[in-house]
N, C-alpha and C. Protein backbone atom coordinates (compact mmCIF):
# COMPACT_ATOMS: atom_id res chain seq x y z
N MET A 1 -5.92 17.47 5.24
CA MET A 1 -5.67 15.85 5.34
C MET A 1 -4.18 16.12 4.87
N LYS A 2 -3.57 14.73 5.45
CA LYS A 2 -2.30 14.61 5.60
C LYS A 2 -1.81 14.50 3.89
N ASP A 3 -0.65 15.22 3.35
CA ASP A 3 0.19 14.84 2.32
C ASP A 3 0.64 13.65 2.37
N HIS A 4 0.78 13.27 0.86
CA HIS A 4 1.71 11.97 0.70
C HIS A 4 3.05 12.07 1.68
N GLU A 5 3.95 12.81 1.43
CA GLU A 5 5.18 12.78 2.31
C GLU A 5 4.94 12.53 3.68
N GLN A 6 3.69 12.81 4.64
CA GLN A 6 3.45 13.17 5.66
C GLN A 6 3.19 11.59 6.46
N CYS A 7 1.68 10.65 5.29
CA CYS A 7 1.70 9.70 5.32
C CYS A 7 2.48 8.36 5.12
N TYR A 8 3.74 8.83 4.46
CA TYR A 8 4.79 7.60 4.33
C TYR A 8 5.04 7.76 5.63
N GLU A 9 5.58 8.76 6.04
CA GLU A 9 6.57 9.29 7.18
C GLU A 9 5.93 8.48 8.43
N GLU A 10 4.45 9.02 8.64
CA GLU A 10 3.49 8.32 9.46
C GLU A 10 3.66 7.16 10.07
N PHE A 11 3.00 6.76 8.51
CA PHE A 11 2.45 5.08 8.17
C PHE A 11 2.94 4.26 7.88
N TRP A 12 3.90 4.42 6.59
CA TRP A 12 4.10 3.56 5.56
C TRP A 12 5.80 3.08 5.77
N LYS A 13 6.33 4.30 6.34
CA LYS A 13 7.67 4.24 6.33
C LYS A 13 8.59 2.72 7.18
N ASP A 14 7.75 2.97 8.00
CA ASP A 14 8.39 1.77 9.15
C ASP A 14 7.49 0.60 8.73
N LEU A 15 6.46 0.14 8.46
CA LEU A 15 6.38 -0.90 7.43
C LEU A 15 7.34 -0.90 6.06
N VAL A 16 7.54 -0.54 5.71
CA VAL A 16 8.41 -0.85 4.04
C VAL A 16 9.30 -0.32 4.18
N GLU A 17 10.08 0.02 5.27
CA GLU A 17 11.85 0.34 5.36
C GLU A 17 12.50 -0.56 6.36
N LYS A 18 13.55 -1.42 6.24
CA LYS A 18 14.60 -2.34 6.50
C LYS A 18 15.58 -1.43 6.60
N ASN A 19 16.12 -0.83 7.68
CA ASN A 19 17.92 0.02 7.69
C ASN A 19 18.07 0.62 7.43
N GLY A 20 16.99 1.90 6.66
CA GLY A 20 16.99 2.48 6.09
C GLY A 20 16.67 2.70 4.49
N ALA A 21 16.10 1.52 3.87
CA ALA A 21 16.27 1.13 2.91
C ALA A 21 14.67 0.03 2.78
N VAL A 22 14.15 1.24 1.12
CA VAL A 22 12.76 0.42 0.88
C VAL A 22 12.64 -1.28 0.75
N ASP A 23 12.56 -1.79 1.48
CA ASP A 23 12.35 -4.05 1.31
C ASP A 23 11.14 -4.00 0.06
N LEU A 24 11.90 -3.90 -1.23
CA LEU A 24 10.39 -4.03 -2.27
C LEU A 24 9.35 -5.46 -1.39
N ASP A 25 9.93 -6.64 -1.06
CA ASP A 25 9.17 -7.63 -0.95
C ASP A 25 8.13 -7.67 -0.22
N GLN A 26 9.01 -6.50 1.13
CA GLN A 26 7.31 -6.02 2.06
C GLN A 26 6.77 -4.76 1.41
N VAL A 27 6.97 -4.01 -0.01
CA VAL A 27 6.23 -3.54 -0.44
C VAL A 27 5.30 -4.14 -1.12
N LYS A 28 5.35 -4.81 -1.65
CA LYS A 28 4.84 -5.97 -2.26
C LYS A 28 3.29 -6.94 -1.98
N LYS A 29 3.87 -6.80 -0.76
CA LYS A 29 3.37 -7.79 0.55
C LYS A 29 2.28 -6.54 0.83
N GLU A 30 2.58 -5.26 1.24
CA GLU A 30 1.62 -4.53 1.82
C GLU A 30 0.49 -3.60 0.20
N LEU A 31 1.15 -3.45 -0.94
CA LEU A 31 0.20 -3.28 -2.02
C LEU A 31 -0.48 -4.65 -2.12
N PHE A 32 -0.18 -5.79 -1.91
CA PHE A 32 -1.48 -7.23 -2.34
C PHE A 32 -2.30 -6.88 -1.09
N ASP A 33 -2.00 -6.67 0.05
CA ASP A 33 -3.54 -6.12 0.69
C ASP A 33 -4.09 -4.89 0.83
N PHE A 34 -3.63 -4.06 0.13
CA PHE A 34 -4.52 -3.03 -0.76
C PHE A 34 -5.22 -3.18 -1.44
N HIS A 35 -5.10 -3.91 -2.25
CA HIS A 35 -5.69 -4.38 -3.64
C HIS A 35 -6.66 -5.35 -3.18
N ARG A 36 -6.57 -6.54 -2.67
CA ARG A 36 -7.53 -6.90 -1.70
C ARG A 36 -8.21 -6.58 -1.23
N MET A 37 -8.59 -5.06 -0.40
CA MET A 37 -9.09 -4.14 0.21
C MET A 37 -9.64 -3.06 -0.86
N ILE A 38 -8.91 -3.05 -1.50
CA ILE A 38 -9.44 -2.20 -3.06
C ILE A 38 -10.83 -2.93 -3.70
N GLN A 39 -10.66 -4.12 -3.43
CA GLN A 39 -11.65 -5.29 -4.38
C GLN A 39 -12.80 -5.70 -2.87
N ASN A 40 -12.37 -5.60 -1.79
CA ASN A 40 -13.46 -6.38 -0.67
C ASN A 40 -14.50 -4.91 -0.40
N VAL A 41 -13.91 -4.17 0.21
CA VAL A 41 -14.71 -2.64 0.46
C VAL A 41 -15.56 -2.83 -0.71
N PRO A 42 -15.58 -2.66 -1.87
CA PRO A 42 -17.09 -2.28 -2.64
C PRO A 42 -18.19 -3.00 -1.59
N LYS A 43 -18.22 -4.36 -1.89
CA LYS A 43 -18.61 -5.65 -1.67
C LYS A 43 -19.08 -4.97 -0.36
N VAL A 44 -18.84 -5.02 0.55
CA VAL A 44 -18.70 -4.47 2.15
C VAL A 44 -20.06 -3.43 2.41
N TYR A 45 -19.83 -2.09 1.72
CA TYR A 45 -20.26 -1.04 1.84
C TYR A 45 -21.69 -1.41 0.62
N ASP A 46 -21.45 -2.57 -0.10
CA ASP A 46 -23.04 -2.22 -1.07
C ASP A 46 -23.87 -3.24 -0.35
N TYR A 47 -23.52 -3.84 0.72
CA TYR A 47 -24.38 -4.68 1.28
C TYR A 47 -24.61 -4.36 2.36
N VAL A 48 -24.03 -3.08 3.29
CA VAL A 48 -24.35 -2.82 4.30
C VAL A 48 -25.65 -1.56 4.57
N THR A 49 -25.06 -0.96 3.07
CA THR A 49 -26.14 -0.23 2.33
C THR A 49 -27.58 -0.43 1.82
N GLY A 50 -27.63 -1.35 1.60
CA GLY A 50 -28.26 -1.91 0.83
C GLY A 50 -28.45 -1.53 -0.87
N GLY A 51 -26.94 -1.47 -1.18
CA GLY A 51 -27.16 -1.02 -2.47
C GLY A 51 -27.17 0.41 -2.61
N ALA A 52 -26.72 1.45 -1.78
CA ALA A 52 -26.90 2.61 -1.80
C ALA A 52 -25.95 3.04 -1.96
N VAL A 53 -24.32 2.47 -1.99
CA VAL A 53 -22.80 3.09 -2.40
C VAL A 53 -22.18 1.68 -2.11
N SER A 54 -21.52 1.78 -3.38
CA SER A 54 -19.72 0.97 -3.52
C SER A 54 -18.55 1.72 -3.89
N LYS A 55 -18.74 2.43 -4.02
CA LYS A 55 -17.05 3.29 -3.82
C LYS A 55 -16.75 3.20 -2.21
N SER A 56 -15.28 3.02 -3.08
CA SER A 56 -14.44 2.27 -1.80
C SER A 56 -14.06 3.40 -1.00
N LEU A 57 -13.54 4.60 -1.95
CA LEU A 57 -13.49 5.92 -1.08
C LEU A 57 -14.53 6.46 -0.57
N THR A 58 -15.88 6.38 -0.23
CA THR A 58 -16.93 7.06 -0.04
C THR A 58 -16.23 7.24 1.64
N ASP A 59 -16.73 8.63 2.46
CA ASP A 59 -16.71 9.44 3.86
C ASP A 59 -17.23 7.88 4.36
N PRO A 60 -16.33 7.91 5.49
CA PRO A 60 -17.35 6.76 5.99
C PRO A 60 -18.50 6.95 7.04
N ASP A 61 -18.65 8.48 7.34
CA ASP A 61 -19.77 8.47 8.15
C ASP A 61 -21.03 8.73 7.30
N ILE A 62 -20.70 8.70 5.85
CA ILE A 62 -21.87 8.43 4.85
C ILE A 62 -21.94 6.94 4.32
N ILE A 63 -21.12 6.23 5.13
CA ILE A 63 -21.75 4.89 4.91
C ILE A 63 -21.99 4.28 6.43
N CYS A 64 -21.61 5.14 7.25
CA CYS A 64 -23.11 4.82 8.89
C CYS A 64 -23.59 5.22 8.49
N ASN A 65 -24.20 6.46 8.21
CA ASN A 65 -25.82 6.94 7.89
C ASN A 65 -26.55 6.00 7.04
N LEU A 66 -25.66 6.01 5.91
CA LEU A 66 -26.76 5.03 5.23
C LEU A 66 -26.66 3.20 5.89
N ALA A 67 -25.97 3.06 6.46
CA ALA A 67 -26.03 1.28 6.80
C ALA A 67 -26.99 1.91 8.18
N TYR A 68 -27.13 2.69 8.81
CA TYR A 68 -28.40 2.96 10.08
C TYR A 68 -29.70 2.98 9.06
N GLU A 69 -29.46 4.13 8.29
CA GLU A 69 -31.32 3.87 7.85
C GLU A 69 -31.80 2.69 6.96
N HIS A 70 -30.55 1.82 6.06
CA HIS A 70 -30.76 0.35 5.64
C HIS A 70 -31.28 -0.47 7.00
N PHE A 71 -30.41 -0.82 7.98
CA PHE A 71 -30.89 -1.66 8.69
C PHE A 71 -32.80 -1.01 9.63
N LYS A 72 -32.43 0.35 9.72
CA LYS A 72 -33.55 0.59 10.66
C LYS A 72 -34.84 0.39 9.71
N GLU A 73 -34.84 0.48 8.29
CA GLU A 73 -36.37 0.06 7.22
C GLU A 73 -35.91 -0.88 7.26
N LEU A 74 -35.17 -1.96 7.73
CA LEU A 74 -35.01 -3.30 7.59
C LEU A 74 -36.07 -3.88 9.43
N PHE A 75 -35.35 -3.03 9.73
CA PHE A 75 -35.71 -4.15 11.20
C PHE A 75 -36.78 -2.78 11.45
N LYS A 76 -38.03 -2.57 11.12
CA LYS A 76 -38.64 -1.53 11.44
C LYS A 76 -40.16 -1.63 12.07
N ASP A 77 -40.40 -2.95 11.59
CA ASP A 77 -41.63 -4.04 11.94
C ASP A 77 -41.69 -4.82 12.83
N GLU A 78 -40.13 -4.77 13.14
CA GLU A 78 -39.94 -5.91 14.83
C GLU A 78 -39.81 -5.13 15.75
C-alpha cells in the first residue's frame, strides 16, 4: 500500500496545486466531493450486499463477493 506522501504525489498534487502552491479553493472542492462519497458509499454497499456491509473502507473484493451472493439468492428461482 502506498504511503500518504506517495499518494499525494501520484494522485492529489496535480489536482490541488497550481503553479507549485496549494489551491485552497480546489482542496475544498475535493474535500466536498470526498465527504459526499463517504456519506453515499455506505448506502450503496448496504443495498448491493443486502444489508451485509455498510462500511466505506470495506475491501472491494468483499463487497463484490457479498453482492454476488446476494443477487444469486434473489434470482435463484428465476
